[in-house]
Amino acid sequence: MTVDVPIVLVGEAAPDTLVTVEHNTVSLEAEATHLPENIEVDIEGLAAGTQILGKDLVLPSGATLALDEEALIVNISAAQTEAALEADLAEAEADLGIEHDEPEDETAPVADEESDSQSGDSSAE
């Protein structure tokens, strides 16, 4: 019998990494009485650049992979820094011709509101 079995990630990869699950399920061939509920993939502490392929999965006894053994299941890459993300966004906006207005001086309206509230308080008395 061939069934699709969900992939379940266990643990957390190394800091500053991004975990991408390329296959949420894998096809397994197994006897109906030996079908696993899921396949656990331990990613605890794995560094950027780590790839888990079909052949790396730990399958239950009697089960065989009905998917290409070289199929990428989980990919762990370096997470993009906020500065790099902002630079990419700025570049994309520039390519599209998007321009942003300069932010107004936020202290000026606050000063006006304070003087209005002070004059309003004295007139209320």
C-alpha atoms as a PDB file:
ATOM      1  CA  MET A   1       0.000   0.000   0.000  1.00  0.00           C
ATOM      2  CA  THR A   2       1.323   3.498  -0.862  1.00  0.00           C
ATOM      3  CA  VAL A   3       0.364   6.423   1.381  1.00  0.00           C
ATOM      4  CA  ASP A   4       1.427  10.024   1.895  1.00  0.00           C
ATOM      5  CA  VAL A   5       2.798  10.508   5.395  1.00  0.00           C
ATOM      6  CA  PRO A   6       3.302  13.969   6.955  1.00  0.00           C
ATOM      7  CA  ILE A   7       6.773  15.239   7.839  1.00  0.00           C
ATOM      8  CA  VAL A   8       7.087  16.525  11.424  1.00  0.00           C
ATOM      9  CA  LEU A   9      10.090  18.659  12.391  1.00  0.00           C
ATOM     10  CA  VAL A  10      11.568  18.067  15.833  1.00  0.00           C
ATOM     11  CA  GLY A  11      13.818  20.593  17.571  1.00  0.00           C
ATOM     12  CA  GLU A  12      15.144  23.951  16.433  1.00  0.00           C
ATOM     13  CA  ALA A  13      17.862  24.648  13.906  1.00  0.00           C
ATOM     14  CA  ALA A  14      20.877  26.788  14.815  1.00  0.00           C
ATOM     15  CA  PRO A  15      20.271  30.498  15.497  1.00  0.00           C
ATOM     16  CA  ASP A  16      19.985  32.829  12.486  1.00  0.00           C
ATOM     17  CA  THR A  17      18.812  30.066  10.160  1.00  0.00           C
ATOM     18  CA  LEU A  18      15.704  29.668   8.056  1.00  0.00           C
ATOM     19  CA  VAL A  19      14.093  26.230   7.821  1.00  0.00           C
ATOM     20  CA  THR A  20      12.217  25.476   4.602  1.00  0.00           C
ATOM     21  CA  VAL A  21      10.165  22.300   4.275  1.00  0.00           C
ATOM     22  CA  GLU A  22      10.186  21.378   0.589  1.00  0.00           C
ATOM     23  CA  HIS A  23       7.934  18.313   1.030  1.00  0.00           C
ATOM     24  CA  ASN A  24       5.264  18.414   3.743  1.00  0.00           C
ATOM     25  CA  THR A  25       4.500  14.759   3.069  1.00  0.00           C
ATOM     26  CA  VAL A  26       6.396  11.822   1.609  1.00  0.00           C
ATOM     27  CA  SER A  27       5.014   8.773  -0.151  1.00  0.00           C
ATOM     28  CA  LEU A  28       5.791   5.500   1.557  1.00  0.00           C
ATOM     29  CA  GLU A  29       5.101   1.927   0.616  1.00  0.00           C
ATOM     30  CA  ALA A  30       4.190  -0.174   3.641  1.00  0.00           C
ATOM     31  CA  GLU A  31       1.843  -2.898   4.805  1.00  0.00           C
ATOM     32  CA  ALA A  32      -1.542  -1.564   5.897  1.00  0.00           C
ATOM     33  CA  THR A  33      -0.866  -2.769   9.433  1.00  0.00           C
ATOM     34  CA  HIS A  34       2.473  -0.915   9.629  1.00  0.00           C
ATOM     35  CA  LEU A  35       1.584   2.569   8.367  1.00  0.00           C
ATOM     36  CA  PRO A  36       3.293   5.320  10.378  1.00  0.00           C
ATOM     37  CA  GLU A  37       1.285   8.401  11.436  1.00  0.00           C
ATOM     38  CA  ASN A  38       4.207  10.673  10.496  1.00  0.00           C
ATOM     39  CA  ILE A  39       7.923  10.799   9.844  1.00  0.00           C
ATOM     40  CA  GLU A  40       9.929  12.817  12.372  1.00  0.00           C
ATOM     41  CA  VAL A  41      12.899  14.823  11.123  1.00  0.00           C
ATOM     42  CA  ASP A  42      15.289  16.024  13.822  1.00  0.00           C
ATOM     43  CA  ILE A  43      16.654  19.477  12.955  1.00  0.00           C
ATOM     44  CA  GLU A  44      18.014  20.306  16.414  1.00  0.00           C
ATOM     45  CA  GLY A  45      21.072  22.553  16.091  1.00  0.00           C
ATOM     46  CA  LEU A  46      21.498  22.031  12.347  1.00  0.00           C
ATOM     47  CA  ALA A  47      23.546  24.757  10.667  1.00  0.00           C
ATOM     48  CA  ALA A  48      22.857  26.776   7.548  1.00  0.00           C
ATOM     49  CA  GLY A  49      23.657  24.780   4.436  1.00  0.00           C
ATOM     50  CA  THR A  50      22.236  21.528   5.791  1.00  0.00           C
ATOM     51  CA  GLN A  51      19.918  19.646   3.453  1.00  0.00           C
ATOM     52  CA  ILE A  52      17.869  16.619   4.385  1.00  0.00           C
ATOM     53  CA  LEU A  53      17.111  14.392   1.424  1.00  0.00           C
ATOM     54  CA  GLY A  54      14.681  11.516   1.058  1.00  0.00           C
ATOM     55  CA  LYS A  55      17.469   9.006   1.643  1.00  0.00           C
ATOM     56  CA  ASP A  56      18.242  10.689   5.002  1.00  0.00           C
ATOM     57  CA  LEU A  57      14.791   9.986   6.463  1.00  0.00           C
ATOM     58  CA  VAL A  58      14.515   7.386   9.217  1.00  0.00           C
ATOM     59  CA  LEU A  59      11.715   5.112   8.052  1.00  0.00           C
ATOM     60  CA  PRO A  60       9.856   2.585  10.167  1.00  0.00           C
ATOM     61  CA  SER A  61      10.621  -1.069   9.688  1.00  0.00           C
ATOM     62  CA  GLY A  62       8.997  -2.495   6.571  1.00  0.00           C
ATOM     63  CA  ALA A  63       8.434   0.905   4.943  1.00  0.00           C
ATOM     64  CA  THR A  64      10.167   2.030   1.757  1.00  0.00           C
ATOM     65  CA  LEU A  65      10.316   5.471   0.224  1.00  0.00           C
ATOM     66  CA  ALA A  66       8.163   5.857  -2.890  1.00  0.00           C
ATOM     67  CA  LEU A  67       9.817   9.211  -3.608  1.00  0.00           C
ATOM     68  CA  ASP A  68      13.147   9.920  -5.278  1.00  0.00           C
ATOM     69  CA  GLU A  69      15.869   9.357  -2.668  1.00  0.00           C
ATOM     70  CA  GLU A  70      17.583  12.563  -3.825  1.00  0.00           C
ATOM     71  CA  ALA A  71      14.423  14.674  -3.320  1.00  0.00           C
ATOM     72  CA  LEU A  72      15.023  17.633  -1.019  1.00  0.00           C
ATOM     73  CA  ILE A  73      12.806  17.337   2.052  1.00  0.00           C
ATOM     74  CA  VAL A  74      14.138  20.069   4.369  1.00  0.00           C
ATOM     75  CA  ASN A  75      16.562  22.881   3.561  1.00  0.00           C
ATOM     76  CA  ILE A  76      18.296  24.940   6.241  1.00  0.00           C
ATOM     77  CA  SER A  77      19.715  28.239   5.049  1.00  0.00           C
ATOM     78  CA  ALA A  78      21.097  31.408   6.609  1.00  0.00           C
ATOM     79  CA  ALA A  79      18.348  33.808   7.637  1.00  0.00           C
ATOM     80  CA  GLN A  80      18.438  37.146   5.878  1.00  0.00           C
ATOM     81  CA  THR A  81      19.407  39.999   8.192  1.00  0.00           C
ATOM     82  CA  GLU A  82      17.063  42.949   8.622  1.00  0.00           C
ATOM     83  CA  ALA A  83      19.605  45.270   6.989  1.00  0.00           C
ATOM     84  CA  ALA A  84      19.885  42.989   3.938  1.00  0.00           C
ATOM     85  CA  LEU A  85      16.106  42.720   3.725  1.00  0.00           C
ATOM     86  CA  GLU A  86      15.715  46.508   3.851  1.00  0.00           C
ATOM     87  CA  ALA A  87      18.410  46.919   1.182  1.00  0.00           C
ATOM     88  CA  ASP A  88      16.637  44.408  -1.087  1.00  0.00           C
ATOM     89  CA  LEU A  89      13.333  46.208  -0.545  1.00  0.00           C
ATOM     90  CA  ALA A  90      14.881  49.599  -1.307  1.00  0.00           C
ATOM     91  CA  GLU A  91      16.475  48.201  -4.472  1.00  0.00           C
ATOM     92  CA  ALA A  92      13.189  46.677  -5.622  1.00  0.00           C
ATOM     93  CA  GLU A  93      11.330  49.929  -4.958  1.00  0.00           C
ATOM     94  CA  ALA A  94      13.971  51.894  -6.876  1.00  0.00           C
ATOM     95  CA  ASP A  95      13.673  49.468  -9.806  1.00  0.00           C
ATOM     96  CA  LEU A  96       9.912  50.075  -9.827  1.00  0.00           C
ATOM     97  CA  GLY A  97      10.337  53.854  -9.528  1.00  0.00           C
ATOM     98  CA  ILE A  98       8.701  54.052  -6.116  1.00  0.00           C
ATOM     99  CA  GLU A  99       9.702  57.177  -4.216  1.00  0.00           C
ATOM    100  CA  HIS A 100       8.900  57.972  -0.607  1.00  0.00           C
ATOM    101  CA  ASP A 101       8.298  61.468   0.751  1.00  0.00           C
ATOM    102  CA  GLU A 102      10.702  62.580   3.422  1.00  0.00           C
ATOM    103  CA  PRO A 103       9.124  62.173   6.868  1.00  0.00           C
ATOM    104  CA  GLU A 104       7.915  65.426   8.385  1.00  0.00           C
ATOM    105  CA  ASP A 105       9.566  66.806  11.478  1.00  0.00           C
ATOM    106  CA  GLU A 106       7.524  65.111  14.175  1.00  0.00           C
ATOM    107  CA  THR A 107       8.533  67.591  16.880  1.00  0.00           C
ATOM    108  CA  ALA A 108       6.807  70.552  15.205  1.00  0.00           C
ATOM    109  CA  PRO A 109       3.188  69.301  15.517  1.00  0.00           C
ATOM    110  CA  VAL A 110       3.806  68.287  19.129  1.00  0.00           C
ATOM    111  CA  ALA A 111       4.995  71.781  19.993  1.00  0.00           C
ATOM    112  CA  ASP A 112       1.918  73.281  18.307  1.00  0.00           C
ATOM    113  CA  GLU A 113      -0.385  70.945  20.211  1.00  0.00           C
ATOM    114  CA  GLU A 114       1.259  71.850  23.513  1.00  0.00           C
ATOM    115  CA  SER A 115       0.864  75.582  22.886  1.00  0.00           C
ATOM    116  CA  ASP A 116      -2.758  75.051  21.790  1.00  0.00           C
ATOM    117  CA  SER A 117      -3.530  73.040  24.913  1.00  0.00           C
ATOM    118  CA  GLN A 118      -1.866  75.635  27.151  1.00  0.00           C
ATOM    119  CA  SER A 119      -3.802  78.491  25.549  1.00  0.00           C
ATOM    120  CA  GLY A 120      -6.948  76.384  25.684  1.00  0.00           C
ATOM    121  CA  ASP A 121      -6.402  75.707  29.391  1.00  0.00           C
ATOM    122  CA  SER A 122      -5.972  79.385  30.252  1.00  0.00           C
ATOM    123  CA  SER A 123      -9.071  80.389  28.290  1.00  0.00           C
ATOM    124  CA  ALA A 124     -11.110  77.703  30.042  1.00  0.00           C
ATOM    125  CA  GLU A 125     -10.351  79.210  33.468  1.00  0.00           C
END
